Protein backbone atom coordinates (compact mmCIF):
# COMPACT_ATOMS: atom_id res chain seq x y z
CA MET A 1 -9.21 33.33 -320.81
CA ARG A 2 -12.25 34.01 -322.97
CA PRO A 3 -15.07 31.43 -323.00
CA ASN A 4 -15.90 29.68 -326.25
CA ALA A 5 -19.25 30.26 -327.99
CA LEU A 6 -21.04 27.31 -326.35
CA THR A 7 -19.82 28.21 -322.85
CA ALA A 8 -20.83 31.83 -323.41
CA ARG A 9 -24.35 30.82 -324.45
CA VAL A 10 -24.71 28.62 -321.34
CA MET A 11 -23.48 31.45 -319.13
CA LEU A 12 -25.92 33.87 -320.77
CA TRP A 13 -28.76 31.43 -320.05
CA LEU A 14 -27.67 30.94 -316.44
CA CYS A 15 -27.15 34.62 -315.61
CA PRO A 16 -30.85 35.51 -315.06
CA VAL A 17 -31.46 32.55 -312.73
CA LEU A 18 -28.19 32.91 -310.81
CA PRO A 19 -29.56 35.16 -308.01
CA SER A 20 -32.51 32.83 -307.42
CA ALA A 21 -30.29 29.75 -307.39
CA LEU A 22 -27.87 31.35 -304.93
CA ALA A 23 -30.79 32.48 -302.77
CA VAL A 24 -32.15 28.94 -302.59
CA LEU A 25 -28.73 27.46 -301.74
CA SER A 26 -28.01 30.03 -299.02
CA THR A 27 -31.52 29.56 -297.62
CA LEU A 28 -31.02 25.80 -297.34
CA LEU A 29 -27.65 26.36 -295.68
CA LEU A 30 -29.03 28.78 -293.09
CA PHE A 31 -32.11 26.63 -292.48
CA SER A 32 -29.89 23.59 -291.95
CA LEU A 33 -27.83 25.55 -289.43
CA PHE A 34 -31.04 26.64 -287.69
CA LEU A 35 -32.13 23.00 -287.35
CA LEU A 36 -28.71 21.78 -286.23
CA LEU A 37 -28.73 24.32 -283.39
CA GLN A 38 -31.92 22.60 -282.19
CA GLY A 39 -30.37 19.15 -282.45
CA GLN A 40 -32.38 18.14 -285.53
CA SER A 41 -31.21 16.55 -288.74
CA ALA A 42 -31.44 19.00 -291.61
CA LEU A 43 -31.69 16.22 -294.20
CA ASP A 44 -34.58 14.57 -292.34
CA ALA A 45 -36.44 17.86 -292.03
CA ILE A 46 -36.00 18.74 -295.71
CA ALA A 47 -37.12 15.23 -296.72
CA LEU A 48 -40.22 15.59 -294.52
CA ILE A 49 -41.00 18.97 -296.07
CA PHE A 50 -40.92 17.40 -299.52
CA GLN A 51 -43.01 14.45 -298.32
CA GLY A 52 -45.56 16.72 -296.66
CA ALA A 53 -45.81 18.85 -299.79
CA PHE A 54 -45.74 16.34 -302.65
CA GLY A 55 -45.33 12.84 -301.19
CA SER A 56 -48.95 11.65 -301.44
CA SER A 57 -52.31 12.53 -302.91
CA PHE A 58 -53.36 14.05 -299.58
CA ALA A 59 -50.16 16.13 -299.55
CA TRP A 60 -50.86 17.36 -303.08
CA GLN A 61 -54.40 18.25 -302.07
CA SER A 62 -53.14 20.35 -299.15
CA THR A 63 -50.53 22.00 -301.35
CA LEU A 64 -52.98 22.87 -304.12
CA LEU A 65 -55.49 24.18 -301.58
CA ARG A 66 -52.91 26.71 -300.41
CA ALA A 67 -51.46 27.43 -303.85
CA SER A 68 -54.74 28.75 -305.26
CA PRO A 69 -55.01 31.90 -303.07
CA LEU A 70 -51.23 32.36 -303.20
CA MET A 71 -51.34 32.72 -306.99
CA LEU A 72 -53.93 35.47 -306.74
CA THR A 73 -52.36 37.38 -303.85
CA ALA A 74 -49.00 37.18 -305.63
CA LEU A 75 -50.58 38.92 -308.62
CA CYS A 76 -51.51 41.74 -306.23
CA VAL A 77 -47.75 42.33 -305.92
CA ALA A 78 -46.63 41.38 -309.44
CA LEU A 79 -49.04 43.55 -311.43
CA PRO A 80 -48.25 46.87 -309.67
CA ALA A 81 -44.57 45.90 -309.93
CA GLN A 82 -44.89 46.20 -313.71
CA VAL A 83 -45.19 49.97 -313.28
CA GLY A 84 -42.45 50.10 -310.66
CA LEU A 85 -44.56 49.96 -307.48
CA ILE A 86 -43.98 47.70 -304.47
CA VAL A 87 -47.44 46.98 -303.07
CA ILE A 88 -47.66 44.66 -300.05
CA GLY A 89 -51.30 45.11 -299.03
CA GLY A 90 -52.72 41.88 -300.45
CA GLU A 91 -53.88 40.62 -297.05
CA GLY A 92 -56.17 43.61 -296.62
CA ALA A 93 -57.62 43.25 -300.12
CA LEU A 94 -58.21 39.55 -299.46
CA ALA A 95 -60.00 40.35 -296.18
CA LEU A 96 -62.33 42.82 -297.86
CA GLY A 97 -62.91 40.39 -300.73
CA CYS A 98 -63.96 37.78 -298.16
CA MET A 99 -66.33 40.13 -296.40
CA PHE A 100 -68.08 41.59 -299.43
CA ALA A 101 -68.40 38.18 -301.09
CA ALA A 102 -70.06 36.85 -297.92
CA ILE A 103 -72.58 39.72 -297.92
CA VAL A 104 -73.88 38.97 -301.44
CA PRO A 105 -75.75 35.71 -300.58
CA GLN A 106 -77.58 37.56 -297.80
CA MET A 107 -78.97 39.95 -300.41
CA LEU A 108 -80.16 37.18 -302.77
CA SER A 109 -83.18 34.94 -302.46
CA PRO A 110 -82.43 31.42 -301.13
CA GLY A 111 -83.29 29.80 -304.47
CA THR A 112 -80.81 31.82 -306.53
CA PRO A 113 -78.78 29.42 -308.73
CA TRP A 114 -75.02 29.34 -308.40
CA LEU A 115 -74.67 30.48 -312.01
CA VAL A 116 -76.02 33.84 -310.85
CA ALA A 117 -74.72 33.92 -307.27
CA THR A 118 -71.10 32.93 -307.95
CA PRO A 119 -70.37 35.68 -310.54
CA LEU A 120 -71.99 38.25 -308.26
CA MET A 121 -69.89 37.10 -305.30
CA ALA A 122 -66.76 37.16 -307.46
CA LEU A 123 -67.62 40.65 -308.72
CA ALA A 124 -68.21 41.95 -305.20
CA GLY A 125 -64.92 40.51 -303.91
CA MET A 126 -62.94 41.80 -306.88
CA LEU A 127 -64.46 45.27 -306.66
CA ALA A 128 -63.64 45.51 -302.96
CA GLY A 129 -60.02 44.52 -303.53
CA ALA A 130 -59.72 46.69 -306.64
CA ILE A 131 -60.98 49.82 -304.90
CA TRP A 132 -58.73 49.25 -301.87
CA ILE A 133 -55.47 48.69 -303.77
CA GLY A 134 -56.52 51.20 -306.42
CA ALA A 135 -56.57 53.79 -303.63
CA VAL A 136 -52.93 52.92 -302.93
CA GLY A 137 -52.04 53.73 -306.55
CA ALA A 138 -54.05 56.94 -306.43
CA LEU A 139 -52.29 58.07 -303.26
CA ARG A 140 -48.95 57.35 -304.89
CA GLN A 141 -49.60 59.21 -308.12
CA TRP A 142 -51.66 62.18 -306.95
CA ARG A 143 -50.41 62.72 -303.41
CA GLY A 144 -46.88 61.27 -303.53
CA VAL A 145 -47.49 58.79 -300.69
CA ASN A 146 -45.08 55.85 -300.68
CA GLU A 147 -47.07 52.84 -301.93
CA THR A 148 -45.26 50.28 -299.76
CA ILE A 149 -46.07 52.11 -296.53
CA SER A 150 -49.62 53.07 -297.54
CA SER A 151 -50.52 49.56 -298.72
CA LEU A 152 -49.24 48.04 -295.47
CA LEU A 153 -51.10 50.56 -293.30
CA MET A 154 -54.28 50.21 -295.34
CA SER A 155 -54.02 46.45 -294.95
CA TYR A 156 -54.15 46.87 -291.18
CA ILE A 157 -57.21 49.09 -291.56
CA ALA A 158 -58.94 46.55 -293.81
CA ILE A 159 -58.26 43.70 -291.38
CA ALA A 160 -59.54 45.77 -288.45
CA LEU A 161 -62.67 46.66 -290.43
CA PHE A 162 -63.14 42.99 -291.31
CA ASN A 163 -62.88 41.87 -287.69
CA HIS A 164 -65.18 44.64 -286.49
CA LEU A 165 -67.95 43.82 -288.95
CA ILE A 166 -67.92 40.04 -288.59
CA GLU A 167 -67.92 40.37 -284.81
CA GLY A 168 -70.56 43.10 -284.89
CA PRO A 169 -73.12 44.13 -287.52
CA LEU A 170 -72.56 41.14 -289.85
CA ARG A 171 -72.22 38.46 -287.19
CA ASP A 172 -74.40 35.37 -287.40
CA PRO A 173 -76.17 35.06 -284.00
CA ALA A 174 -75.67 31.29 -284.17
CA SER A 175 -71.86 31.63 -284.30
CA LEU A 176 -71.01 31.61 -280.62
CA ASN A 177 -67.34 30.74 -280.11
CA LYS A 178 -66.30 31.52 -283.67
CA PRO A 179 -67.76 34.84 -284.90
CA SER A 180 -68.66 34.70 -288.57
CA THR A 181 -71.14 35.97 -291.10
CA LEU A 182 -74.24 34.03 -292.08
CA PRO A 183 -73.24 30.86 -293.97
CA VAL A 184 -73.32 30.77 -297.74
CA PRO A 185 -76.16 28.46 -298.89
CA ASP A 186 -74.91 25.12 -300.22
CA ALA A 187 -76.47 25.86 -303.63
CA MET A 188 -74.22 28.91 -303.97
CA MET A 189 -70.97 27.22 -302.93
CA ILE A 190 -68.26 26.44 -305.47
CA GLY A 191 -67.93 22.69 -305.87
CA SER A 192 -64.96 20.40 -306.47
CA ILE A 193 -63.28 19.63 -309.77
CA PRO A 194 -64.59 16.26 -311.03
CA GLY A 195 -62.15 13.51 -310.13
CA LEU A 196 -60.19 15.72 -307.73
CA ASP A 197 -60.73 16.63 -304.10
CA MET A 198 -59.98 20.25 -305.00
CA HIS A 199 -62.27 23.20 -305.68
CA TRP A 200 -62.44 25.15 -308.94
CA GLY A 201 -60.53 28.04 -307.41
CA LEU A 202 -57.28 26.34 -308.41
CA LEU A 203 -58.14 26.70 -312.10
CA TRP A 204 -59.29 30.27 -311.51
CA GLY A 205 -55.86 31.07 -310.04
CA VAL A 206 -53.99 29.40 -312.92
CA PHE A 207 -56.19 31.15 -315.48
CA ALA A 208 -55.64 34.53 -313.78
CA CYS A 209 -51.84 34.06 -313.92
CA ILE A 210 -51.93 33.07 -317.60
CA ALA A 211 -54.26 35.97 -318.45
CA ALA A 212 -51.97 38.39 -316.57
CA TRP A 213 -48.92 37.12 -318.49
CA VAL A 214 -50.70 37.50 -321.84
CA PHE A 215 -51.84 41.00 -320.86
CA ILE A 216 -48.36 42.09 -319.80
CA LYS A 217 -46.42 40.51 -322.67
CA CYS A 218 -48.83 40.71 -325.60
CA SER A 219 -50.97 43.84 -325.16
CA ILE A 220 -50.15 47.47 -325.90
CA LYS A 221 -51.19 48.55 -322.42
CA GLY A 222 -49.04 45.82 -320.87
CA PHE A 223 -46.04 47.03 -322.90
CA ALA A 224 -46.75 50.59 -321.77
CA MET A 225 -46.79 49.40 -318.15
CA ARG A 226 -43.40 47.76 -318.57
CA VAL A 227 -42.00 50.94 -320.10
CA THR A 228 -43.38 52.89 -317.13
CA GLY A 229 -41.81 50.43 -314.70
CA GLY A 230 -38.47 50.68 -316.49
CA SER A 231 -38.34 54.47 -316.36
CA ASN A 232 -41.17 56.64 -315.16
CA ARG A 233 -39.50 59.75 -316.54
CA ALA A 234 -38.95 58.22 -319.98
CA ALA A 235 -42.57 57.05 -320.06
CA ARG A 236 -43.77 60.61 -319.42
CA LEU A 237 -41.41 62.00 -322.05
CA VAL A 238 -42.87 59.75 -324.75
CA GLY A 239 -46.40 60.72 -323.73
CA LEU A 240 -47.58 57.60 -321.90
CA PRO A 241 -50.46 58.13 -319.40
CA VAL A 242 -48.39 57.12 -316.38
CA ASN A 243 -51.06 57.96 -313.80
CA SER A 244 -53.79 55.90 -315.45
CA LEU A 245 -51.42 52.99 -316.13
CA THR A 246 -50.41 52.93 -312.48
CA LEU A 247 -54.02 53.02 -311.38
CA VAL A 248 -54.95 50.16 -313.76
CA ALA A 249 -52.09 47.99 -312.49
CA CYS A 250 -53.13 48.52 -308.86
CA VAL A 251 -56.81 47.94 -309.60
CA LEU A 252 -56.06 44.66 -311.38
CA GLY A 253 -53.78 43.51 -308.57
CA GLY A 254 -56.36 44.35 -305.93
CA ALA A 255 -59.07 42.56 -307.92
CA ALA A 256 -56.94 39.40 -307.95
CA ALA A 257 -56.49 39.49 -304.16
CA GLY A 258 -60.20 40.19 -303.68
CA LEU A 259 -61.01 37.18 -305.84
CA ALA A 260 -58.79 35.07 -303.60
CA GLY A 261 -60.88 36.17 -300.62
CA MET A 262 -64.11 35.35 -302.43
CA LEU A 263 -62.86 31.82 -303.22
CA GLU A 264 -61.96 31.22 -299.59
CA VAL A 265 -65.53 32.08 -298.63
CA ALA A 266 -67.40 30.35 -301.45
CA ALA A 267 -65.21 27.26 -301.83
CA VAL A 268 -63.52 26.58 -298.47
CA GLN A 269 -64.98 28.18 -295.34
CA GLY A 270 -68.59 28.83 -296.33
CA SER A 271 -68.65 32.13 -294.42
CA ALA A 272 -66.39 35.07 -293.59
CA ASN A 273 -64.57 34.50 -290.30
CA ALA A 274 -61.18 35.11 -288.72
CA SER A 275 -59.93 31.69 -289.86
CA LEU A 276 -59.65 33.09 -293.38
CA LEU A 277 -56.82 35.46 -292.45
CA VAL A 278 -53.93 33.01 -292.29
CA GLY A 279 -51.34 35.14 -294.06
CA TYR A 280 -52.01 34.35 -297.72
CA GLY A 281 -51.58 38.02 -298.57
CA TYR A 282 -48.18 38.19 -296.90
CA ALA A 283 -47.02 34.85 -298.34
CA GLY A 284 -48.07 36.17 -301.75
CA ILE A 285 -45.32 38.80 -301.43
CA LEU A 286 -42.75 36.01 -301.15
CA VAL A 287 -44.28 34.15 -304.09
CA ALA A 288 -44.18 37.25 -306.30
CA PHE A 289 -40.56 38.04 -305.43
CA ALA A 290 -39.48 34.42 -305.87
CA ALA A 291 -41.15 34.47 -309.30
CA ARG A 292 -39.42 37.77 -310.17
CA GLN A 293 -42.86 39.28 -310.79
CA ASN A 294 -43.47 36.89 -313.71
CA PRO A 295 -47.13 35.73 -313.68
CA LEU A 296 -46.29 32.35 -315.25
CA ALA A 297 -43.51 31.69 -312.75
CA ILE A 298 -45.97 32.58 -309.98
CA ILE A 299 -47.82 29.31 -310.66
CA LEU A 300 -44.73 27.21 -309.90
CA CYS A 301 -43.60 29.35 -306.95
CA ALA A 302 -47.10 29.22 -305.43
CA LEU A 303 -46.97 25.42 -305.56
CA ILE A 304 -43.58 25.40 -303.81
CA ILE A 305 -44.54 27.88 -301.08
CA GLY A 306 -47.94 26.21 -300.68
CA GLY A 307 -46.15 22.88 -300.26
CA ILE A 308 -43.84 24.30 -297.61
CA GLU A 309 -46.86 25.58 -295.68
CA ALA A 310 -48.66 22.24 -296.07
CA SER A 311 -45.72 20.33 -294.56
CA SER A 312 -45.73 22.16 -291.22
CA SER A 313 -48.00 19.63 -289.48
CA LEU A 314 -45.81 16.72 -290.61
CA LEU A 315 -42.70 18.38 -289.17
CA GLN A 316 -44.57 18.90 -285.94
CA ARG A 317 -45.65 15.26 -285.70
CA ARG A 318 -42.42 13.57 -286.79
CA LEU A 319 -39.68 15.83 -285.41
CA ASP A 320 -41.61 17.62 -282.64
CA LEU A 321 -40.83 20.96 -284.26
CA PRO A 322 -43.28 23.86 -283.94
CA ASP A 323 -45.42 24.49 -287.01
CA ALA A 324 -43.81 27.94 -287.25
CA THR A 325 -40.63 26.22 -288.48
CA THR A 326 -41.86 26.49 -292.05
CA LEU A 327 -42.42 30.21 -291.49
CA VAL A 328 -38.75 30.50 -290.55
CA LEU A 329 -37.87 28.78 -293.84
CA GLN A 330 -40.08 31.18 -295.80
CA GLY A 331 -38.57 34.17 -293.99
CA LEU A 332 -35.04 33.01 -294.76
CA LEU A 333 -35.95 32.51 -298.40
CA PHE A 334 -37.44 36.00 -298.66
CA ALA A 335 -34.43 37.62 -296.97
CA ASN A 336 -31.99 35.77 -299.23
CA LEU A 337 -33.93 36.67 -302.37
CA LEU A 338 -33.64 40.33 -301.43
CA ALA A 339 -29.97 39.99 -300.46
CA TRP A 340 -28.91 38.31 -303.70
CA GLU A 341 -30.94 40.80 -305.73
CA ALA A 342 -27.92 43.10 -305.38
CA LEU A 343 -26.19 40.86 -307.93
CA ARG A 344 -28.54 42.04 -310.66
CA THR A 345 -26.37 45.06 -311.55
CA HIS A 346 -23.22 42.95 -311.78
CA ILE A 347 -25.02 40.25 -313.77
CA ALA A 348 -26.22 42.84 -316.29
CA ALA A 349 -22.60 43.94 -316.75
CA TRP A 350 -21.45 40.31 -317.18
CA ARG A 351 -24.15 39.69 -319.77
CA ALA A 352 -23.12 42.76 -321.72
CA LYS A 353 -19.48 41.65 -321.75
CA LEU A 354 -20.41 38.11 -322.83
CA GLN A 355 -22.66 39.38 -325.60
CA ALA A 356 -19.92 41.73 -326.80
CA ALA A 357 -17.42 38.85 -326.79
CA MET A 358 -19.81 36.64 -328.76
CA ARG A 359 -20.36 39.38 -331.36
CA THR A 360 -16.59 39.84 -331.69
CA ASP A 361 -16.00 36.10 -332.13
CA LEU A 362 -18.74 35.99 -334.77
CA ALA A 363 -17.36 38.99 -336.64
CA VAL A 364 -13.86 37.47 -337.05
CA PRO A 365 -14.96 34.43 -339.10
CA LEU A 366 -17.17 36.67 -341.24
CA GLU A 367 -14.24 38.94 -342.06
CA GLN A 368 -12.11 35.93 -342.93
CA THR A 369 -14.87 34.62 -345.19
CA HIS A 370 -15.12 37.91 -347.09
CA ALA A 371 -11.36 38.09 -347.38
């Protein structure tokens, strides 16, 4: 039985979101089973997750605090994905962004205004991340090294370098039990948004996602990147500079992750220390895949994943569950997103059949009209 025109339009609209919807449903089912095996009520746990993420002004503050770096580290995955690369080294770029941003205030005079210091810190963090992830793109294009493996391995190197320097040459002698760099002077710190107990980094993250979407969808270079991601061979045949496009995508992604590290130093921690490396770079991978590499969708997905992370302490207090429970939920979501991605090929075939059926149904009345 063929669907009517209205039903076909609804089905066409639902097809793109079907894998994500099925992934969410299967994740909730598996997470509920995981909780039931521990003797916990799945409904109570899910309600507490929502309460801990969005149930109060304090919950929103915690969610937004985590969403800001997640937006930027997700761009480190989403932008290279436009040219067909899977880069998962955002945690390393964030670590280097933290470290280089923390070095800048030590090179400036104490009276330097924040209008000068903040852009310099942002530039240092972005350059560090851009160079690091840009090297991943260069290795891929000029040496044929798999970008997923190289970005992961380089992330480990960046984190090791970060830990070595903050515990060695860059360590503040006054930091005894918690090795860190010298603190950023208060005059150079990024303040809070007026009326909100939230720093300006949130708006920086939102602006970066919007700017990335405009660049990808509305610019010639962004279109060229999407062509390259669709078919590398076709892009070369039409004369597109595939190597430089790949390098630009990786550099921009690394700059976004480096900016996330800078914001953690200049708006949250006040210095570079091990507390900064809490997995924002790895969670950004989940955010990017949940958003289907769409920079605008990253904003919403970062809020959801940030809310899940913010609710961990509430689950621990109310249900006596370990705070790693929310990590299990994130892991299940990531695994299900990848599993249901296999539907994409079938969905494309369904869409083609529906569109063909709609064109046929439209052609019949037109022929009758002419007759």
